[in-house]
Amino acid sequence: MASDAAIITVPGPDGDREVRISSPSRVLWPELGLTKLDLATYLRDVGEPFVTANGDRPISLQRFSGGIEGEQFFSKNPPKGAPDYVRSEMVVYPSGRTHPQLVIDEPAAAVWAAQMNTLVFHPWASRAERSDYPDQLRIDLDPQPGTDFDDAKPVAVELRAVLAEAGLNAYIKTSGNRGLHVFAPIRPEWEFLETRHAVIAAARELERRMPRRVTTNWWKEERGERIFVDFNQANRDRTMAGAYSPRALPHAPVSCPLDWAELDEADPSEFTILTVPGRLSTTGDPWAAMHDESGSIDVLLQWWDKDTASGLGELPFPPDFPKMPGEPPRVQPSRAKKPA
C-alpha cells in the first residue's frame, strides 16, 4: 500500500530542505501514469534553472484539485500555512487593486507548490520588488487553426531579426503546447503600457515582412491560417507558462528553453517532465545567461510613434481591463453596427 506522504530533500541556497508531499501516488497525468511525486521530483531536479527563469517574480500558480482532467483554479497570494521560505510582494492589478502575490526564491518553494497541487507556473515579466517595470519583453507566437508549431518556426526566426534590428537579444522556448515564446531581456525602465507598445511595434513590423504567415488581428474571425502575435500577453498581470513549467496536457510537456540552433529540428512533444532533467544535464540551460546584458526598447517605441503618426494606433485590450485611451471599440467586427 502506498505511503500517505513522502519527503523530498531539496538543495537550495540555504542548504537542504525537507519538503513533505502528501498523497504522493495521486495520478496527475493519467495517460502516462505520472504522479504528484513525479512532479515534485521533476521540480527538484530542474530547481536551479527553474528559479533562474521564474524566481524573484510575482507568480500565479495554476492548481488542480485532481489530475489534469480535474477542476483547476489560479492561486496568487500565499495560502495559510505556507513555509517561511515562501514570500509575497504587493503588486498592482489592472483594476488598480493591490494584493500580495506569491514569489518563488528557491527550488524548495517550487516543490512546495507541487505539494499544493500546482502543475503550471505563470511568472510576471517583472521582478517582485519592481513589479511595475518589466525586465523582459515577451512575445507569444500562437498558431491558429490550420497552422502548427512548424509554421511558427520561420516566424520566430524573422522575429529574432526584427528584435536584433531594434538592438535586442532574443531568446526562445516552446510554449509547452503548439506555440513559441520569444523573450528579450530589457532594463526595467519602462512600465507595462510602454512595453506593450514596444511588442505591438515589433509585431506590426513582423506582420509587414510576413503578411501571409503573421497576423496581429485580435479578433479570431480575422486571423485566418496565420501565426497570431498575441500582444496582450505583454499587459500587466498577463502571463504565460514559465520556462521549465510543466503543462496540463496528456503527454506531460514542459515549456522548454531552446538554443536558436535547435529550433529547426525541435519537436515540442519531446520536452516533457521525463526528458527535460536529462536534457539539462547534457546540454545545460540555454537561458542561463539571459540577464547578463539587458537592452532598451527605445527603438521599438520610435517604431510605435511612427506607426501611430501614420494612422496605426492602439489595439484592443483584454475584456477585463478598463477602457484604455485610444482603444478601438471592443466589439467583434461581424457584430459591429454598420454605418447607415
Protein backbone atom coordinates (compact mmCIF):
# COMPACT_ATOMS: atom_id res chain seq x y z
CA MET A 1 0.00 0.00 0.00
CA ALA A 2 1.35 3.43 -0.98
CA SER A 3 2.51 5.73 1.77
CA ASP A 4 0.28 8.69 2.64
CA ALA A 5 3.25 11.04 2.35
CA ALA A 6 6.78 11.25 1.01
CA ILE A 7 9.65 13.50 1.99
CA ILE A 8 11.82 15.06 -0.71
CA THR A 9 15.19 16.58 0.10
CA VAL A 10 15.62 19.74 -1.96
CA PRO A 11 19.01 21.51 -2.21
CA GLY A 12 18.94 25.28 -2.13
CA PRO A 13 20.86 28.47 -1.36
CA ASP A 14 20.38 27.96 2.39
CA GLY A 15 21.13 24.25 2.38
CA ASP A 16 18.83 21.25 2.06
CA ARG A 17 15.15 21.50 2.92
CA GLU A 18 12.82 18.60 3.61
CA VAL A 19 9.53 19.07 1.76
CA ARG A 20 6.60 16.83 2.61
CA ILE A 21 4.49 15.60 -0.30
CA SER A 22 1.09 14.28 0.71
CA SER A 23 -0.77 11.78 -1.48
CA PRO A 24 2.41 11.14 -3.50
CA SER A 25 0.79 8.38 -5.56
CA ARG A 26 -2.03 10.61 -6.81
CA VAL A 27 -2.01 10.33 -10.61
CA LEU A 28 -1.81 13.73 -12.33
CA TRP A 29 -1.16 12.65 -15.93
CA PRO A 30 -3.31 9.50 -16.41
CA GLU A 31 -2.06 8.71 -19.93
CA LEU A 32 1.50 8.26 -18.61
CA GLY A 33 0.65 7.32 -15.02
CA LEU A 34 2.75 10.22 -13.71
CA THR A 35 2.08 11.12 -10.10
CA LYS A 36 2.32 14.03 -7.73
CA LEU A 37 5.63 12.63 -6.51
CA ASP A 38 6.92 12.51 -10.10
CA LEU A 39 6.02 16.21 -10.45
CA ALA A 40 7.75 17.15 -7.20
CA THR A 41 10.82 15.15 -8.18
CA TYR A 42 10.93 16.88 -11.58
CA LEU A 43 10.80 20.33 -9.95
CA ARG A 44 13.60 19.35 -7.60
CA ASP A 45 15.73 18.09 -10.49
CA VAL A 46 15.29 21.26 -12.57
CA GLY A 47 15.31 23.50 -9.50
CA GLU A 48 18.24 25.79 -10.29
CA PRO A 49 17.30 26.73 -13.91
CA PHE A 50 13.64 26.89 -12.88
CA VAL A 51 14.40 29.51 -10.22
CA THR A 52 16.78 31.38 -12.53
CA ALA A 53 13.95 31.74 -15.04
CA ASN A 54 10.95 32.25 -12.74
CA GLY A 55 12.31 33.30 -9.34
CA ASP A 56 12.05 36.76 -7.79
CA ARG A 57 8.89 37.44 -9.80
CA PRO A 58 5.23 37.64 -8.83
CA ILE A 59 3.86 34.27 -9.86
CA SER A 60 0.45 32.71 -10.26
CA LEU A 61 0.01 29.01 -9.54
CA GLN A 62 -2.36 27.00 -11.73
CA ARG A 63 -3.59 24.36 -9.31
CA PHE A 64 -5.64 21.22 -9.94
CA SER A 65 -7.85 19.52 -7.40
CA GLY A 66 -7.13 16.15 -9.03
CA GLY A 67 -5.17 15.37 -12.16
CA ILE A 68 -5.07 17.37 -15.37
CA GLU A 69 -8.68 16.37 -16.04
CA GLY A 70 -9.90 17.73 -12.70
CA GLU A 71 -11.06 21.14 -11.60
CA GLN A 72 -8.47 23.90 -11.71
CA PHE A 73 -8.02 27.40 -10.32
CA PHE A 74 -5.37 30.10 -10.06
CA SER A 75 -3.72 30.97 -6.77
CA LYS A 76 -1.84 34.26 -6.44
CA ASN A 77 -1.39 35.01 -2.74
CA PRO A 78 0.31 32.60 -0.31
CA PRO A 79 -2.22 30.28 1.35
CA LYS A 80 -2.28 29.88 5.11
CA GLY A 81 0.43 27.59 6.38
CA ALA A 82 2.95 28.43 3.65
CA PRO A 83 6.53 27.77 4.83
CA ASP A 84 8.69 30.72 5.83
CA TYR A 85 10.80 30.39 2.68
CA VAL A 86 7.78 31.26 0.51
CA ARG A 87 7.32 35.04 0.41
CA SER A 88 4.99 37.53 -1.22
CA GLU A 89 5.20 41.07 -2.58
CA MET A 90 2.48 43.65 -3.11
CA VAL A 91 1.53 44.19 -6.75
CA VAL A 92 -0.95 46.42 -8.57
CA TYR A 93 -3.52 44.78 -10.85
CA PRO A 94 -5.09 46.42 -13.93
CA SER A 95 -8.13 47.43 -11.87
CA GLY A 96 -5.87 49.47 -9.58
CA ARG A 97 -6.39 46.99 -6.74
CA THR A 98 -3.31 45.94 -4.79
CA HIS A 99 -2.70 42.48 -3.40
CA PRO A 100 0.20 40.31 -2.20
CA GLN A 101 1.44 37.88 -4.83
CA LEU A 102 3.49 34.73 -4.39
CA VAL A 103 7.23 34.80 -5.14
CA ILE A 104 9.50 31.78 -5.58
CA ASP A 105 13.09 32.26 -4.40
CA GLU A 106 14.45 28.70 -4.25
CA PRO A 107 13.71 25.20 -5.57
CA ALA A 108 12.04 24.10 -2.33
CA ALA A 109 9.33 26.73 -2.91
CA ALA A 110 8.57 25.21 -6.31
CA VAL A 111 8.40 21.71 -4.78
CA TRP A 112 6.11 23.08 -2.05
CA ALA A 113 3.89 24.47 -4.83
CA ALA A 114 3.68 20.94 -6.25
CA GLN A 115 2.55 19.80 -2.79
CA MET A 116 -0.21 22.40 -3.22
CA ASN A 117 -1.22 20.65 -6.47
CA THR A 118 0.36 23.23 -8.78
CA LEU A 119 1.02 21.97 -12.28
CA VAL A 120 1.65 25.20 -14.21
CA PHE A 121 3.64 28.25 -13.08
CA HIS A 122 2.87 31.70 -14.53
CA PRO A 123 5.53 34.32 -13.66
CA TRP A 124 5.22 38.05 -14.33
CA ALA A 125 7.57 39.81 -16.75
CA SER A 126 8.83 41.99 -13.88
CA ARG A 127 10.79 41.44 -10.68
CA ALA A 128 8.95 41.30 -7.37
CA GLU A 129 10.49 44.41 -5.82
CA ARG A 130 9.97 46.45 -9.00
CA SER A 131 6.82 44.87 -10.32
CA ASP A 132 5.58 47.90 -12.29
CA TYR A 133 8.59 47.76 -14.63
CA PRO A 134 9.11 44.62 -16.77
CA ASP A 135 12.65 43.39 -17.32
CA GLN A 136 11.54 41.06 -20.12
CA LEU A 137 9.93 41.82 -23.45
CA ARG A 138 7.74 38.79 -24.12
CA ILE A 139 6.15 37.85 -27.43
CA ASP A 140 3.77 34.90 -27.78
CA LEU A 141 3.58 33.28 -31.24
CA ASP A 142 0.25 31.47 -31.28
CA PRO A 143 -0.55 29.13 -34.22
CA GLN A 144 -4.14 29.49 -35.39
CA PRO A 145 -6.31 26.66 -36.77
CA GLY A 146 -4.71 25.35 -39.92
CA THR A 147 -1.19 26.13 -38.69
CA ASP A 148 1.11 24.38 -36.24
CA PHE A 149 4.44 24.50 -34.44
CA ASP A 150 6.44 24.11 -37.64
CA ASP A 151 4.67 27.14 -39.12
CA ALA A 152 5.74 29.19 -36.10
CA LYS A 153 9.44 28.37 -36.56
CA PRO A 154 10.24 30.69 -39.51
CA VAL A 155 8.16 33.41 -37.88
CA ALA A 156 10.27 33.16 -34.73
CA VAL A 157 13.48 33.37 -36.78
CA GLU A 158 12.27 36.54 -38.51
CA LEU A 159 11.12 37.97 -35.20
CA ARG A 160 14.60 37.43 -33.85
CA ALA A 161 15.93 39.51 -36.76
CA VAL A 162 13.36 42.25 -36.10
CA LEU A 163 14.36 42.46 -32.44
CA ALA A 164 18.06 42.45 -33.36
CA GLU A 165 17.45 45.47 -35.61
CA ALA A 166 15.88 47.15 -32.58
CA GLY A 167 19.01 46.36 -30.53
CA LEU A 168 17.58 43.45 -28.54
CA ASN A 169 18.92 39.94 -28.00
CA ALA A 170 16.16 37.32 -28.32
CA TYR A 171 15.74 34.02 -26.51
CA ILE A 172 13.25 31.31 -27.41
CA LYS A 173 11.31 28.50 -25.74
CA THR A 174 8.49 26.17 -26.60
CA SER A 175 5.16 27.10 -25.07
CA GLY A 176 4.68 23.50 -24.00
CA ASN A 177 1.81 23.28 -26.45
CA ARG A 178 1.69 24.37 -30.13
CA GLY A 179 3.38 27.76 -29.97
CA LEU A 180 6.65 29.52 -29.30
CA HIS A 181 7.61 32.24 -26.83
CA VAL A 182 10.29 34.79 -27.68
CA PHE A 183 11.79 36.81 -24.82
CA ALA A 184 14.27 39.68 -24.80
CA PRO A 185 15.86 41.00 -21.58
CA ILE A 186 15.32 44.74 -21.11
CA ARG A 187 16.24 47.27 -18.48
CA PRO A 188 13.36 47.82 -16.02
CA GLU A 189 12.88 51.45 -17.04
CA TRP A 190 9.53 51.27 -18.87
CA GLU A 191 6.15 50.40 -17.42
CA PHE A 192 3.75 47.82 -18.83
CA LEU A 193 1.86 50.05 -21.29
CA GLU A 194 5.12 51.18 -22.89
CA THR A 195 6.35 47.60 -23.09
CA ARG A 196 3.06 46.57 -24.69
CA HIS A 197 3.52 49.29 -27.29
CA ALA A 198 7.03 48.01 -27.99
CA VAL A 199 5.62 44.50 -28.53
CA ILE A 200 2.94 45.84 -30.88
CA ALA A 201 5.59 47.76 -32.85
CA ALA A 202 7.68 44.59 -33.26
CA ALA A 203 4.58 42.57 -34.15
CA ARG A 204 3.50 45.05 -36.82
CA GLU A 205 6.95 45.09 -38.38
CA LEU A 206 6.92 41.28 -38.38
CA GLU A 207 3.47 41.30 -39.99
CA ARG A 208 4.66 43.67 -42.72
CA ARG A 209 7.51 41.31 -43.55
CA MET A 210 5.43 38.13 -43.44
CA PRO A 211 1.81 39.15 -44.22
CA ARG A 212 0.79 35.67 -45.36
CA ARG A 213 2.21 34.00 -42.27
CA VAL A 214 1.64 36.52 -39.45
CA THR A 215 -1.32 38.45 -38.06
CA THR A 216 -1.87 40.97 -35.28
CA ASN A 217 -5.66 40.82 -35.59
CA TRP A 218 -7.19 40.50 -32.14
CA TRP A 219 -10.46 39.04 -33.40
CA LYS A 220 -10.25 35.35 -34.29
CA GLU A 221 -12.56 35.74 -37.28
CA GLU A 222 -9.95 37.98 -38.92
CA ARG A 223 -6.80 35.94 -38.26
CA GLY A 224 -7.04 33.24 -40.91
CA GLU A 225 -4.47 30.44 -41.11
CA ARG A 226 -1.61 32.51 -39.74
CA ILE A 227 0.52 32.84 -36.62
CA PHE A 228 -1.08 35.31 -34.22
CA VAL A 229 1.29 37.59 -32.33
CA ASP A 230 -0.52 37.84 -29.00
CA PHE A 231 0.43 41.38 -27.95
CA ASN A 232 -1.95 41.31 -24.99
CA GLN A 233 0.35 38.88 -23.17
CA ALA A 234 2.54 41.95 -22.61
CA ASN A 235 -0.02 43.56 -20.30
CA ARG A 236 0.16 43.85 -16.53
CA ASP A 237 -0.96 40.64 -14.79
CA ARG A 238 -0.93 38.75 -18.10
CA THR A 239 1.38 35.76 -18.01
CA MET A 240 2.38 32.68 -19.96
CA ALA A 241 3.72 29.37 -18.70
CA GLY A 242 7.21 29.94 -17.32
CA ALA A 243 10.39 28.33 -18.57
CA TYR A 244 10.60 24.70 -17.39
CA SER A 245 7.00 24.81 -16.18
CA PRO A 246 5.01 21.63 -16.83
CA ARG A 247 1.78 21.91 -18.80
CA ALA A 248 -1.54 20.24 -18.07
CA LEU A 249 -1.63 18.19 -21.27
CA PRO A 250 -1.75 14.38 -21.60
CA HIS A 251 1.92 13.82 -22.51
CA ALA A 252 3.23 15.99 -19.61
CA PRO A 253 5.08 18.54 -21.77
CA VAL A 254 7.32 21.31 -20.48
CA SER A 255 7.74 24.87 -21.72
CA CYS A 256 11.36 24.33 -22.68
CA PRO A 257 14.08 26.91 -23.49
CA LEU A 258 15.97 26.20 -26.70
CA ASP A 259 19.16 27.31 -28.30
CA TRP A 260 18.33 29.01 -31.61
CA ALA A 261 20.41 26.39 -33.42
CA GLU A 262 17.99 23.71 -32.16
CA LEU A 263 14.81 25.36 -33.40
CA ASP A 264 14.70 23.97 -36.92
CA GLU A 265 14.67 20.34 -35.74
CA ALA A 266 12.78 20.91 -32.48
CA ASP A 267 9.72 18.79 -31.67
CA PRO A 268 7.80 20.15 -28.65
CA SER A 269 6.42 16.72 -27.81
CA GLU A 270 9.93 15.58 -26.90
CA PHE A 271 10.30 18.03 -23.99
CA THR A 272 8.48 16.50 -21.02
CA ILE A 273 8.94 16.16 -17.29
CA LEU A 274 10.55 12.79 -18.05
CA THR A 275 13.13 14.09 -20.56
CA VAL A 276 13.99 17.67 -19.60
CA PRO A 277 16.10 16.88 -16.49
CA GLY A 278 18.36 14.67 -18.61
CA ARG A 279 18.47 17.29 -21.34
CA LEU A 280 19.65 19.91 -18.84
CA SER A 281 22.41 17.68 -17.53
CA THR A 282 23.58 17.07 -21.10
CA THR A 283 23.16 20.42 -22.85
CA GLY A 284 22.87 22.91 -19.99
CA ASP A 285 20.40 25.76 -19.71
CA PRO A 286 20.11 27.87 -22.90
CA TRP A 287 18.67 30.74 -20.83
CA ALA A 288 21.28 30.74 -18.06
CA ALA A 289 22.91 33.99 -19.22
CA MET A 290 19.75 35.78 -20.39
CA HIS A 291 20.01 38.67 -17.95
CA ASP A 292 23.75 39.18 -18.14
CA GLU A 293 23.01 42.02 -20.58
CA SER A 294 19.73 43.92 -20.85
CA GLY A 295 18.58 46.11 -23.72
CA SER A 296 16.43 49.14 -24.44
CA ILE A 297 13.00 49.39 -26.09
CA ASP A 298 13.65 52.94 -27.30
CA VAL A 299 13.93 51.88 -30.95
CA LEU A 300 10.70 49.90 -30.77
CA LEU A 301 8.94 52.89 -29.20
CA GLN A 302 10.20 55.03 -32.08
CA TRP A 303 8.60 52.49 -34.44
CA TRP A 304 5.40 52.74 -32.38
CA ASP A 305 5.39 56.53 -32.72
CA LYS A 306 5.97 56.26 -36.48
CA ASP A 307 3.10 53.79 -36.87
CA THR A 308 0.85 55.95 -34.72
CA ALA A 309 1.64 59.01 -36.86
CA SER A 310 0.68 57.02 -39.97
CA GLY A 311 -2.70 56.06 -38.50
CA LEU A 312 -1.92 52.79 -36.76
CA GLY A 313 -2.92 53.38 -33.16
CA GLU A 314 -3.86 51.37 -30.10
CA LEU A 315 -5.17 47.80 -30.33
CA PRO A 316 -7.87 46.14 -28.19
CA PHE A 317 -7.14 45.24 -24.58
CA PRO A 318 -8.41 42.12 -22.80
CA PRO A 319 -12.12 42.35 -21.90
CA ASP A 320 -11.49 42.54 -18.14
CA PHE A 321 -9.28 45.64 -18.48
CA PRO A 322 -10.69 49.14 -18.00
CA LYS A 323 -11.29 51.04 -21.23
CA MET A 324 -7.93 52.46 -22.28
CA PRO A 325 -7.13 55.75 -24.04
CA GLY A 326 -7.22 55.47 -27.83
CA GLU A 327 -8.51 51.89 -27.72
CA PRO A 328 -10.79 50.85 -30.60
CA PRO A 329 -14.28 49.50 -29.82
CA ARG A 330 -14.32 46.15 -28.07
CA VAL A 331 -16.83 44.56 -30.38
CA GLN A 332 -16.38 41.65 -32.72
CA PRO A 333 -16.26 43.09 -36.28
CA SER A 334 -19.04 40.83 -37.57
CA ARG A 335 -21.30 42.08 -34.77
CA ALA A 336 -20.44 45.77 -35.05
CA LYS A 337 -23.21 48.10 -36.13
CA LYS A 338 -22.83 49.09 -39.75
CA PRO A 339 -22.95 52.82 -40.55
CA ALA A 340 -26.25 53.98 -42.00
